[in-house]
N, C-alpha and C. Protein backbone atom coordinates (compact mmCIF):
# COMPACT_ATOMS: atom_id res chain seq x y z
N MET A 1 0.82 -1.20 0.00
CA MET A 1 0.00 0.00 0.00
C MET A 1 0.86 1.26 0.00
N ILE A 2 1.96 1.22 0.76
CA ILE A 2 2.84 2.38 0.84
C ILE A 2 3.47 2.65 -0.53
N SER A 3 3.95 1.58 -1.21
CA SER A 3 4.57 1.78 -2.52
C SER A 3 3.53 2.29 -3.52
N SER A 4 2.27 1.92 -3.33
CA SER A 4 1.22 2.40 -4.22
C SER A 4 1.03 3.91 -4.06
N ASN A 5 1.04 4.39 -2.83
CA ASN A 5 0.91 5.83 -2.59
C ASN A 5 2.12 6.59 -3.13
N ILE A 6 3.28 6.00 -2.98
CA ILE A 6 4.50 6.63 -3.50
C ILE A 6 4.43 6.67 -5.03
N ALA A 7 4.00 5.56 -5.63
CA ALA A 7 3.87 5.50 -7.10
C ALA A 7 2.90 6.57 -7.59
N LYS A 8 1.81 6.75 -6.87
CA LYS A 8 0.83 7.78 -7.27
C LYS A 8 1.44 9.17 -7.21
N ARG A 9 2.23 9.43 -6.18
CA ARG A 9 2.86 10.76 -6.06
C ARG A 9 3.82 11.03 -7.21
N TYR A 10 4.65 10.04 -7.51
CA TYR A 10 5.60 10.21 -8.63
C TYR A 10 4.85 10.34 -9.95
N ALA A 11 3.82 9.52 -10.13
CA ALA A 11 3.05 9.58 -11.39
C ALA A 11 2.39 10.94 -11.55
N ARG A 12 1.80 11.46 -10.46
CA ARG A 12 1.15 12.78 -10.53
C ARG A 12 2.16 13.87 -10.89
N ALA A 13 3.34 13.80 -10.29
CA ALA A 13 4.36 14.82 -10.56
C ALA A 13 4.81 14.76 -12.02
N PHE A 14 5.07 13.57 -12.51
CA PHE A 14 5.50 13.42 -13.90
C PHE A 14 4.37 13.80 -14.86
N PHE A 15 3.16 13.44 -14.50
CA PHE A 15 2.00 13.76 -15.32
C PHE A 15 1.80 15.27 -15.42
N LYS A 16 2.01 15.95 -14.31
CA LYS A 16 1.86 17.41 -14.30
C LYS A 16 2.87 18.06 -15.24
N ILE A 17 4.09 17.57 -15.21
CA ILE A 17 5.13 18.11 -16.09
C ILE A 17 4.80 17.79 -17.55
N ALA A 18 4.35 16.56 -17.80
CA ALA A 18 3.98 16.17 -19.17
C ALA A 18 2.81 17.01 -19.66
N GLY A 19 1.94 17.41 -18.74
CA GLY A 19 0.78 18.22 -19.09
C GLY A 19 1.14 19.60 -19.59
N GLU A 20 2.27 20.11 -19.15
CA GLU A 20 2.71 21.42 -19.61
C GLU A 20 2.96 21.41 -21.11
N GLU A 21 3.36 20.26 -21.63
CA GLU A 21 3.61 20.13 -23.07
C GLU A 21 2.43 19.46 -23.79
N LYS A 22 1.43 18.99 -23.04
CA LYS A 22 0.27 18.28 -23.60
C LYS A 22 0.71 17.06 -24.42
N ARG A 23 1.70 16.35 -23.89
CA ARG A 23 2.21 15.16 -24.58
C ARG A 23 2.12 13.95 -23.66
N TYR A 24 0.94 13.76 -23.12
CA TYR A 24 0.74 12.68 -22.15
C TYR A 24 1.12 11.32 -22.72
N GLU A 25 0.60 10.99 -23.89
CA GLU A 25 0.81 9.66 -24.47
C GLU A 25 2.27 9.43 -24.87
N TYR A 26 2.91 10.46 -25.34
CA TYR A 26 4.32 10.34 -25.73
C TYR A 26 5.17 9.93 -24.53
N TYR A 27 4.98 10.62 -23.41
CA TYR A 27 5.77 10.31 -22.22
C TYR A 27 5.35 8.98 -21.61
N TYR A 28 4.09 8.62 -21.74
CA TYR A 28 3.63 7.31 -21.27
C TYR A 28 4.34 6.20 -22.06
N ASP A 29 4.44 6.40 -23.37
CA ASP A 29 5.12 5.41 -24.21
C ASP A 29 6.59 5.28 -23.83
N GLU A 30 7.22 6.40 -23.50
CA GLU A 30 8.63 6.35 -23.10
C GLU A 30 8.79 5.60 -21.78
N LEU A 31 7.92 5.88 -20.83
CA LEU A 31 7.97 5.13 -19.56
C LEU A 31 7.79 3.64 -19.84
N GLY A 32 6.86 3.35 -20.75
CA GLY A 32 6.59 1.95 -21.10
C GLY A 32 7.78 1.26 -21.73
N ARG A 33 8.51 1.97 -22.58
CA ARG A 33 9.68 1.38 -23.23
C ARG A 33 10.73 1.00 -22.18
N PHE A 34 10.98 1.91 -21.24
CA PHE A 34 11.99 1.61 -20.22
C PHE A 34 11.48 0.54 -19.26
N SER A 35 10.22 0.59 -18.91
CA SER A 35 9.63 -0.41 -18.03
C SER A 35 9.71 -1.80 -18.66
N THR A 36 9.49 -1.89 -19.95
CA THR A 36 9.57 -3.16 -20.66
C THR A 36 10.99 -3.71 -20.62
N ILE A 37 11.97 -2.84 -20.77
CA ILE A 37 13.37 -3.27 -20.69
C ILE A 37 13.65 -3.87 -19.32
N LEU A 38 13.15 -3.23 -18.27
CA LEU A 38 13.36 -3.76 -16.91
C LEU A 38 12.66 -5.10 -16.72
N LYS A 39 11.46 -5.23 -17.26
CA LYS A 39 10.72 -6.49 -17.13
C LYS A 39 11.40 -7.62 -17.87
N GLU A 40 11.95 -7.31 -19.04
CA GLU A 40 12.55 -8.34 -19.86
C GLU A 40 13.97 -8.70 -19.43
N ASN A 41 14.63 -7.82 -18.69
CA ASN A 41 15.99 -8.06 -18.27
C ASN A 41 16.05 -8.16 -16.75
N LYS A 42 15.92 -9.37 -16.28
CA LYS A 42 15.88 -9.60 -14.84
C LYS A 42 17.17 -9.17 -14.15
N ASN A 43 18.31 -9.40 -14.80
CA ASN A 43 19.60 -9.02 -14.22
C ASN A 43 19.68 -7.51 -14.01
N LEU A 44 19.20 -6.75 -14.99
CA LEU A 44 19.22 -5.29 -14.88
C LEU A 44 18.34 -4.82 -13.73
N SER A 45 17.13 -5.36 -13.65
CA SER A 45 16.22 -4.91 -12.58
C SER A 45 16.74 -5.31 -11.21
N GLU A 46 17.37 -6.48 -11.11
CA GLU A 46 17.96 -6.89 -9.83
C GLU A 46 19.15 -6.00 -9.47
N PHE A 47 19.95 -5.65 -10.46
CA PHE A 47 21.09 -4.76 -10.23
C PHE A 47 20.61 -3.41 -9.71
N LEU A 48 19.58 -2.85 -10.33
CA LEU A 48 19.08 -1.54 -9.92
C LEU A 48 18.41 -1.58 -8.55
N ALA A 49 17.83 -2.71 -8.19
CA ALA A 49 17.14 -2.82 -6.90
C ALA A 49 18.09 -3.18 -5.76
N ASN A 50 19.26 -3.69 -6.07
CA ASN A 50 20.19 -4.17 -5.05
C ASN A 50 20.93 -3.01 -4.39
N PRO A 51 20.80 -2.87 -3.06
CA PRO A 51 21.45 -1.76 -2.35
C PRO A 51 22.97 -1.91 -2.23
N ILE A 52 23.49 -3.07 -2.56
CA ILE A 52 24.94 -3.29 -2.45
C ILE A 52 25.70 -2.46 -3.48
N PHE A 53 25.11 -2.30 -4.67
CA PHE A 53 25.80 -1.58 -5.74
C PHE A 53 25.69 -0.08 -5.52
N ALA A 54 26.76 0.62 -5.87
CA ALA A 54 26.83 2.07 -5.69
C ALA A 54 25.81 2.77 -6.59
N LEU A 55 25.25 3.83 -6.05
CA LEU A 55 24.27 4.63 -6.78
C LEU A 55 24.88 5.20 -8.07
N SER A 56 26.14 5.57 -8.01
CA SER A 56 26.81 6.13 -9.20
C SER A 56 26.91 5.08 -10.31
N ASP A 57 27.13 3.83 -9.95
CA ASP A 57 27.18 2.75 -10.94
C ASP A 57 25.81 2.54 -11.58
N LYS A 58 24.78 2.57 -10.76
CA LYS A 58 23.42 2.40 -11.26
C LYS A 58 23.06 3.53 -12.22
N LYS A 59 23.40 4.75 -11.82
CA LYS A 59 23.10 5.91 -12.68
C LYS A 59 23.85 5.82 -14.00
N ALA A 60 25.09 5.37 -13.96
CA ALA A 60 25.89 5.25 -15.18
C ALA A 60 25.26 4.23 -16.13
N VAL A 61 24.80 3.12 -15.59
CA VAL A 61 24.17 2.09 -16.42
C VAL A 61 22.87 2.63 -17.02
N VAL A 62 22.07 3.29 -16.20
CA VAL A 62 20.80 3.84 -16.68
C VAL A 62 21.04 4.91 -17.75
N GLU A 63 21.99 5.79 -17.52
CA GLU A 63 22.30 6.85 -18.49
C GLU A 63 22.74 6.25 -19.83
N SER A 64 23.57 5.25 -19.76
CA SER A 64 24.03 4.58 -20.98
C SER A 64 22.86 3.94 -21.73
N LEU A 65 22.02 3.30 -20.99
CA LEU A 65 20.84 2.65 -21.58
C LEU A 65 19.89 3.67 -22.19
N LEU A 66 19.67 4.78 -21.50
CA LEU A 66 18.77 5.82 -21.99
C LEU A 66 19.27 6.44 -23.29
N GLU A 67 20.58 6.59 -23.41
CA GLU A 67 21.16 7.12 -24.64
C GLU A 67 20.91 6.18 -25.81
N LYS A 68 21.03 4.87 -25.54
CA LYS A 68 20.86 3.88 -26.60
C LYS A 68 19.42 3.80 -27.09
N ILE A 69 18.46 3.95 -26.19
CA ILE A 69 17.06 3.82 -26.62
C ILE A 69 16.43 5.17 -26.94
N GLN A 70 17.21 6.21 -26.86
CA GLN A 70 16.79 7.56 -27.26
C GLN A 70 15.50 8.01 -26.57
N ILE A 71 15.61 8.20 -25.29
CA ILE A 71 14.51 8.70 -24.47
C ILE A 71 14.67 10.21 -24.34
N SER A 72 13.55 10.93 -24.32
CA SER A 72 13.59 12.39 -24.22
C SER A 72 14.27 12.83 -22.92
N PRO A 73 14.81 14.04 -22.90
CA PRO A 73 15.47 14.54 -21.68
C PRO A 73 14.53 14.56 -20.46
N LEU A 74 13.27 14.89 -20.67
CA LEU A 74 12.33 14.95 -19.55
C LEU A 74 12.16 13.57 -18.91
N THR A 75 11.88 12.57 -19.72
CA THR A 75 11.71 11.22 -19.19
C THR A 75 13.02 10.69 -18.64
N SER A 76 14.10 11.00 -19.31
CA SER A 76 15.42 10.58 -18.85
C SER A 76 15.71 11.13 -17.46
N ASN A 77 15.46 12.40 -17.25
CA ASN A 77 15.67 13.01 -15.93
C ASN A 77 14.77 12.39 -14.88
N PHE A 78 13.53 12.08 -15.26
CA PHE A 78 12.60 11.45 -14.32
C PHE A 78 13.11 10.06 -13.92
N LEU A 79 13.57 9.29 -14.88
CA LEU A 79 14.07 7.95 -14.58
C LEU A 79 15.34 8.01 -13.73
N LYS A 80 16.19 8.98 -13.99
CA LYS A 80 17.40 9.16 -13.16
C LYS A 80 17.01 9.54 -11.73
N LEU A 81 15.98 10.37 -11.61
CA LEU A 81 15.48 10.73 -10.27
C LEU A 81 15.01 9.50 -9.52
N LEU A 82 14.31 8.61 -10.23
CA LEU A 82 13.84 7.36 -9.60
C LEU A 82 15.03 6.52 -9.13
N VAL A 83 16.10 6.51 -9.90
CA VAL A 83 17.30 5.78 -9.48
C VAL A 83 17.89 6.45 -8.24
N ASP A 84 18.01 7.79 -8.27
CA ASP A 84 18.56 8.53 -7.13
C ASP A 84 17.77 8.27 -5.85
N LYS A 85 16.45 8.25 -5.98
CA LYS A 85 15.58 8.08 -4.81
C LYS A 85 15.31 6.61 -4.48
N ARG A 86 15.98 5.73 -5.22
CA ARG A 86 15.82 4.28 -5.02
C ARG A 86 14.35 3.84 -5.21
N ARG A 87 13.72 4.39 -6.24
CA ARG A 87 12.32 4.07 -6.55
C ARG A 87 12.15 3.46 -7.93
N ILE A 88 13.24 3.15 -8.61
CA ILE A 88 13.14 2.61 -9.97
C ILE A 88 12.43 1.26 -9.96
N ASN A 89 12.46 0.55 -8.84
CA ASN A 89 11.80 -0.75 -8.75
C ASN A 89 10.27 -0.65 -8.76
N ILE A 90 9.70 0.55 -8.59
CA ILE A 90 8.24 0.70 -8.65
C ILE A 90 7.82 1.40 -9.95
N LEU A 91 8.69 1.36 -10.95
CA LEU A 91 8.39 2.04 -12.21
C LEU A 91 7.10 1.52 -12.85
N SER A 92 6.86 0.22 -12.82
CA SER A 92 5.64 -0.31 -13.44
C SER A 92 4.40 0.20 -12.71
N ASP A 93 4.48 0.36 -11.38
CA ASP A 93 3.36 0.93 -10.61
C ASP A 93 3.15 2.39 -10.98
N ILE A 94 4.25 3.12 -11.12
CA ILE A 94 4.18 4.53 -11.51
C ILE A 94 3.55 4.64 -12.89
N GLN A 95 3.95 3.76 -13.78
CA GLN A 95 3.41 3.77 -15.14
C GLN A 95 1.90 3.50 -15.12
N GLY A 96 1.46 2.56 -14.29
CA GLY A 96 0.03 2.27 -14.17
C GLY A 96 -0.75 3.46 -13.64
N CYS A 97 -0.22 4.12 -12.63
CA CYS A 97 -0.88 5.31 -12.08
C CYS A 97 -0.92 6.44 -13.10
N TYR A 98 0.18 6.60 -13.83
CA TYR A 98 0.25 7.62 -14.88
C TYR A 98 -0.81 7.34 -15.94
N ARG A 99 -0.98 6.08 -16.29
CA ARG A 99 -1.97 5.70 -17.30
C ARG A 99 -3.38 6.07 -16.86
N GLU A 100 -3.69 5.84 -15.59
CA GLU A 100 -5.00 6.21 -15.07
C GLU A 100 -5.22 7.72 -15.19
N LEU A 101 -4.23 8.49 -14.82
CA LEU A 101 -4.33 9.95 -14.93
C LEU A 101 -4.49 10.38 -16.38
N MET A 102 -3.74 9.74 -17.26
CA MET A 102 -3.79 10.06 -18.68
C MET A 102 -5.18 9.74 -19.25
N ASP A 103 -5.72 8.59 -18.88
CA ASP A 103 -7.04 8.20 -19.38
C ASP A 103 -8.12 9.20 -18.95
N ILE A 104 -8.01 9.68 -17.73
CA ILE A 104 -8.98 10.66 -17.24
C ILE A 104 -8.85 11.96 -18.03
N ALA A 105 -7.61 12.40 -18.22
CA ALA A 105 -7.38 13.67 -18.92
C ALA A 105 -7.80 13.60 -20.38
N LEU A 106 -7.60 12.45 -21.01
CA LEU A 106 -7.91 12.30 -22.43
C LEU A 106 -9.31 11.72 -22.67
N LYS A 107 -10.06 11.53 -21.57
CA LYS A 107 -11.42 10.96 -21.65
C LYS A 107 -11.41 9.62 -22.38
N LYS A 108 -10.55 8.74 -21.91
CA LYS A 108 -10.48 7.38 -22.45
C LYS A 108 -10.83 6.39 -21.35
N VAL A 109 -11.31 5.24 -21.78
CA VAL A 109 -11.57 4.16 -20.84
C VAL A 109 -11.15 2.85 -21.50
N ARG A 110 -10.57 1.99 -20.71
CA ARG A 110 -10.14 0.69 -21.21
C ARG A 110 -11.18 -0.35 -20.81
N VAL A 111 -11.60 -1.13 -21.78
CA VAL A 111 -12.69 -2.08 -21.59
C VAL A 111 -12.21 -3.46 -22.01
N THR A 112 -12.56 -4.46 -21.19
CA THR A 112 -12.26 -5.84 -21.54
C THR A 112 -13.59 -6.54 -21.83
N VAL A 113 -13.65 -7.19 -22.99
CA VAL A 113 -14.86 -7.89 -23.41
C VAL A 113 -14.52 -9.37 -23.55
N LYS A 114 -15.28 -10.22 -22.87
CA LYS A 114 -15.11 -11.67 -23.02
C LYS A 114 -16.32 -12.18 -23.78
N THR A 115 -16.04 -12.97 -24.80
CA THR A 115 -17.11 -13.56 -25.61
C THR A 115 -16.86 -15.05 -25.77
N ALA A 116 -17.93 -15.78 -26.05
CA ALA A 116 -17.80 -17.22 -26.28
C ALA A 116 -17.21 -17.50 -27.66
N PHE A 117 -17.49 -16.59 -28.60
CA PHE A 117 -17.04 -16.76 -29.97
C PHE A 117 -16.42 -15.46 -30.47
N PRO A 118 -15.57 -15.53 -31.48
CA PRO A 118 -14.97 -14.30 -32.01
C PRO A 118 -16.02 -13.34 -32.53
N LEU A 119 -15.81 -12.04 -32.31
CA LEU A 119 -16.73 -11.02 -32.80
C LEU A 119 -16.37 -10.64 -34.23
N THR A 120 -17.38 -10.39 -35.04
CA THR A 120 -17.12 -9.89 -36.39
C THR A 120 -16.74 -8.42 -36.27
N GLY A 121 -16.17 -7.87 -37.32
CA GLY A 121 -15.78 -6.46 -37.31
C GLY A 121 -16.96 -5.54 -37.05
N GLU A 122 -18.11 -5.86 -37.67
CA GLU A 122 -19.30 -5.03 -37.49
C GLU A 122 -19.82 -5.11 -36.06
N THR A 123 -19.88 -6.31 -35.50
CA THR A 123 -20.37 -6.49 -34.13
C THR A 123 -19.44 -5.79 -33.14
N SER A 124 -18.15 -5.93 -33.37
CA SER A 124 -17.16 -5.28 -32.50
C SER A 124 -17.32 -3.76 -32.55
N ALA A 125 -17.51 -3.21 -33.75
CA ALA A 125 -17.68 -1.77 -33.90
C ALA A 125 -18.96 -1.29 -33.22
N ARG A 126 -20.05 -2.05 -33.36
CA ARG A 126 -21.32 -1.67 -32.71
C ARG A 126 -21.18 -1.72 -31.19
N LEU A 127 -20.50 -2.74 -30.69
CA LEU A 127 -20.29 -2.85 -29.25
C LEU A 127 -19.44 -1.68 -28.75
N GLN A 128 -18.39 -1.35 -29.48
CA GLN A 128 -17.54 -0.24 -29.09
C GLN A 128 -18.31 1.08 -29.10
N ASN A 129 -19.12 1.31 -30.13
CA ASN A 129 -19.93 2.53 -30.19
C ASN A 129 -20.91 2.60 -29.01
N GLY A 130 -21.53 1.48 -28.70
CA GLY A 130 -22.45 1.44 -27.56
C GLY A 130 -21.75 1.74 -26.24
N LEU A 131 -20.55 1.19 -26.08
CA LEU A 131 -19.78 1.43 -24.85
C LEU A 131 -19.33 2.89 -24.77
N GLU A 132 -19.01 3.48 -25.92
CA GLU A 132 -18.62 4.89 -25.92
C GLU A 132 -19.79 5.78 -25.53
N ARG A 133 -20.99 5.43 -25.99
CA ARG A 133 -22.18 6.20 -25.58
C ARG A 133 -22.46 6.01 -24.09
N LEU A 134 -22.30 4.77 -23.61
CA LEU A 134 -22.55 4.46 -22.21
C LEU A 134 -21.58 5.20 -21.28
N THR A 135 -20.30 5.22 -21.65
CA THR A 135 -19.28 5.80 -20.78
C THR A 135 -19.01 7.27 -21.07
N ASP A 136 -19.45 7.74 -22.21
CA ASP A 136 -19.19 9.10 -22.67
C ASP A 136 -17.68 9.36 -22.75
N ARG A 137 -16.96 8.34 -23.17
CA ARG A 137 -15.51 8.40 -23.32
C ARG A 137 -15.09 7.59 -24.54
N GLU A 138 -13.87 7.85 -25.00
CA GLU A 138 -13.31 7.02 -26.06
C GLU A 138 -12.95 5.67 -25.46
N VAL A 139 -13.34 4.60 -26.13
CA VAL A 139 -13.15 3.25 -25.60
C VAL A 139 -11.99 2.55 -26.30
N GLU A 140 -11.09 2.01 -25.48
CA GLU A 140 -10.04 1.12 -25.97
C GLU A 140 -10.46 -0.28 -25.54
N MET A 141 -10.82 -1.11 -26.51
CA MET A 141 -11.45 -2.39 -26.21
C MET A 141 -10.50 -3.55 -26.48
N ILE A 142 -10.43 -4.45 -25.51
CA ILE A 142 -9.68 -5.69 -25.65
C ILE A 142 -10.71 -6.81 -25.64
N VAL A 143 -10.71 -7.63 -26.69
CA VAL A 143 -11.67 -8.73 -26.81
C VAL A 143 -10.95 -10.04 -26.55
N LEU A 144 -11.48 -10.80 -25.59
CA LEU A 144 -10.93 -12.11 -25.24
C LEU A 144 -11.97 -13.18 -25.51
N GLU A 145 -11.53 -14.34 -25.93
CA GLU A 145 -12.44 -15.45 -26.16
C GLU A 145 -12.46 -16.35 -24.94
N ASP A 146 -13.66 -16.70 -24.48
CA ASP A 146 -13.83 -17.58 -23.32
C ASP A 146 -14.97 -18.55 -23.62
N ARG A 147 -14.62 -19.73 -24.06
CA ARG A 147 -15.62 -20.72 -24.49
C ARG A 147 -16.53 -21.18 -23.35
N SER A 148 -16.11 -20.99 -22.12
CA SER A 148 -16.93 -21.41 -20.98
C SER A 148 -18.19 -20.56 -20.81
N LEU A 149 -18.27 -19.43 -21.50
CA LEU A 149 -19.44 -18.56 -21.38
C LEU A 149 -20.67 -19.12 -22.08
N LEU A 150 -20.50 -20.03 -23.02
CA LEU A 150 -21.56 -20.64 -23.84
C LEU A 150 -22.11 -19.67 -24.88
N GLY A 151 -22.31 -18.43 -24.52
CA GLY A 151 -22.84 -17.41 -25.42
C GLY A 151 -22.92 -16.09 -24.68
N GLY A 152 -23.20 -15.00 -25.40
CA GLY A 152 -23.30 -13.69 -24.77
C GLY A 152 -21.93 -13.07 -24.56
N VAL A 153 -21.91 -11.98 -23.78
CA VAL A 153 -20.66 -11.27 -23.51
C VAL A 153 -20.58 -10.87 -22.04
N VAL A 154 -19.35 -10.70 -21.59
CA VAL A 154 -19.06 -10.14 -20.27
C VAL A 154 -18.16 -8.94 -20.52
N VAL A 155 -18.58 -7.77 -20.05
CA VAL A 155 -17.84 -6.54 -20.29
C VAL A 155 -17.39 -5.95 -18.96
N ARG A 156 -16.10 -5.65 -18.86
CA ARG A 156 -15.56 -4.99 -17.67
C ARG A 156 -15.12 -3.59 -18.06
N VAL A 157 -15.76 -2.60 -17.44
CA VAL A 157 -15.41 -1.19 -17.63
C VAL A 157 -14.94 -0.69 -16.28
N GLY A 158 -13.61 -0.57 -16.13
CA GLY A 158 -13.07 -0.18 -14.83
C GLY A 158 -13.41 -1.24 -13.79
N ASP A 159 -14.10 -0.82 -12.74
CA ASP A 159 -14.49 -1.76 -11.68
C ASP A 159 -15.88 -2.34 -11.89
N THR A 160 -16.57 -1.93 -12.94
CA THR A 160 -17.94 -2.37 -13.19
C THR A 160 -17.95 -3.54 -14.16
N LEU A 161 -18.72 -4.57 -13.82
CA LEU A 161 -18.83 -5.76 -14.64
C LEU A 161 -20.26 -5.89 -15.15
N TYR A 162 -20.41 -5.96 -16.47
CA TYR A 162 -21.71 -6.20 -17.10
C TYR A 162 -21.67 -7.62 -17.62
N ASP A 163 -22.46 -8.50 -16.99
CA ASP A 163 -22.42 -9.91 -17.35
C ASP A 163 -23.69 -10.30 -18.09
N GLY A 164 -23.59 -10.41 -19.40
CA GLY A 164 -24.71 -10.83 -20.23
C GLY A 164 -24.46 -12.20 -20.82
N SER A 165 -23.72 -13.03 -20.11
CA SER A 165 -23.39 -14.35 -20.64
C SER A 165 -24.54 -15.32 -20.42
N VAL A 166 -24.66 -16.28 -21.29
CA VAL A 166 -25.69 -17.31 -21.19
C VAL A 166 -25.47 -18.12 -19.92
N ARG A 167 -24.24 -18.38 -19.60
CA ARG A 167 -23.92 -19.16 -18.40
C ARG A 167 -24.47 -18.50 -17.14
N THR A 168 -24.27 -17.19 -17.01
CA THR A 168 -24.78 -16.47 -15.84
C THR A 168 -26.30 -16.45 -15.84
N GLN A 169 -26.90 -16.27 -17.00
CA GLN A 169 -28.36 -16.26 -17.09
C GLN A 169 -28.92 -17.62 -16.66
N LEU A 170 -28.29 -18.71 -17.09
CA LEU A 170 -28.73 -20.05 -16.69
C LEU A 170 -28.58 -20.25 -15.18
N ASN A 171 -27.48 -19.77 -14.63
CA ASN A 171 -27.28 -19.88 -13.18
C ASN A 171 -28.33 -19.08 -12.42
N ASN A 172 -28.68 -17.91 -12.93
CA ASN A 172 -29.73 -17.10 -12.29
C ASN A 172 -31.07 -17.82 -12.33
N ILE A 173 -31.39 -18.44 -13.45
CA ILE A 173 -32.65 -19.20 -13.56
C ILE A 173 -32.63 -20.38 -12.61
N ARG A 174 -31.51 -21.08 -12.55
CA ARG A 174 -31.37 -22.22 -11.64
C ARG A 174 -31.57 -21.79 -10.20
N ASN A 175 -30.96 -20.67 -9.81
CA ASN A 175 -31.13 -20.17 -8.44
C ASN A 175 -32.56 -19.75 -8.17
N LEU A 176 -33.20 -19.13 -9.13
CA LEU A 176 -34.59 -18.71 -8.99
C LEU A 176 -35.51 -19.91 -8.84
N LEU A 177 -35.31 -20.94 -9.65
CA LEU A 177 -36.12 -22.15 -9.56
C LEU A 177 -35.85 -22.89 -8.26
N GLY A 178 -34.63 -22.87 -7.80
CA GLY A 178 -34.27 -23.53 -6.55
C GLY A 178 -34.96 -22.89 -5.36
N GLU A 179 -35.17 -21.58 -5.41
CA GLU A 179 -35.85 -20.88 -4.32
C GLU A 179 -37.34 -21.17 -4.34
N GLU A 180 -37.91 -21.43 -5.51
CA GLU A 180 -39.35 -21.68 -5.64
C GLU A 180 -39.74 -23.05 -5.13
N ILE A 181 -38.81 -23.99 -5.18
CA ILE A 181 -39.14 -25.37 -4.81
C ILE A 181 -39.13 -25.58 -3.34
């Protein structure tokens, strides 16, 4: 919980700076590129998290890496600050918090849709349009196939779950009939 609050503080600070240039997505992508490198390279992330190694060595490695992947000076300075403050290990949490702030500012919402069968392009577009009207935001939709649903869809918008699956409907009928008997 404490690291979550710290991640939120860092994300808000970086988001505020990114807001001055109105380049929220650009800086989010840069954070994501560096975060991906840390996730894919376990040795690097362990090196940066290990207190035995000197801070100057960690900064030198990060600076070298940032030059190679061509990160903007703003993001580069932010990542170096995280190394200085020994917070680079919570970069993925910071990135997640930043994404939430960015989605609010850009009026976007991320939606997960589970279906029993693949959606056609037309059905997917109609569902996306309906969700955009429902949320009054631009929808980024991820469609997953789940054969256990039998039919229908299950839609997750943030913390809200809309379950229109045949399986749930059958369970509801079963529970209703069980109460009647």
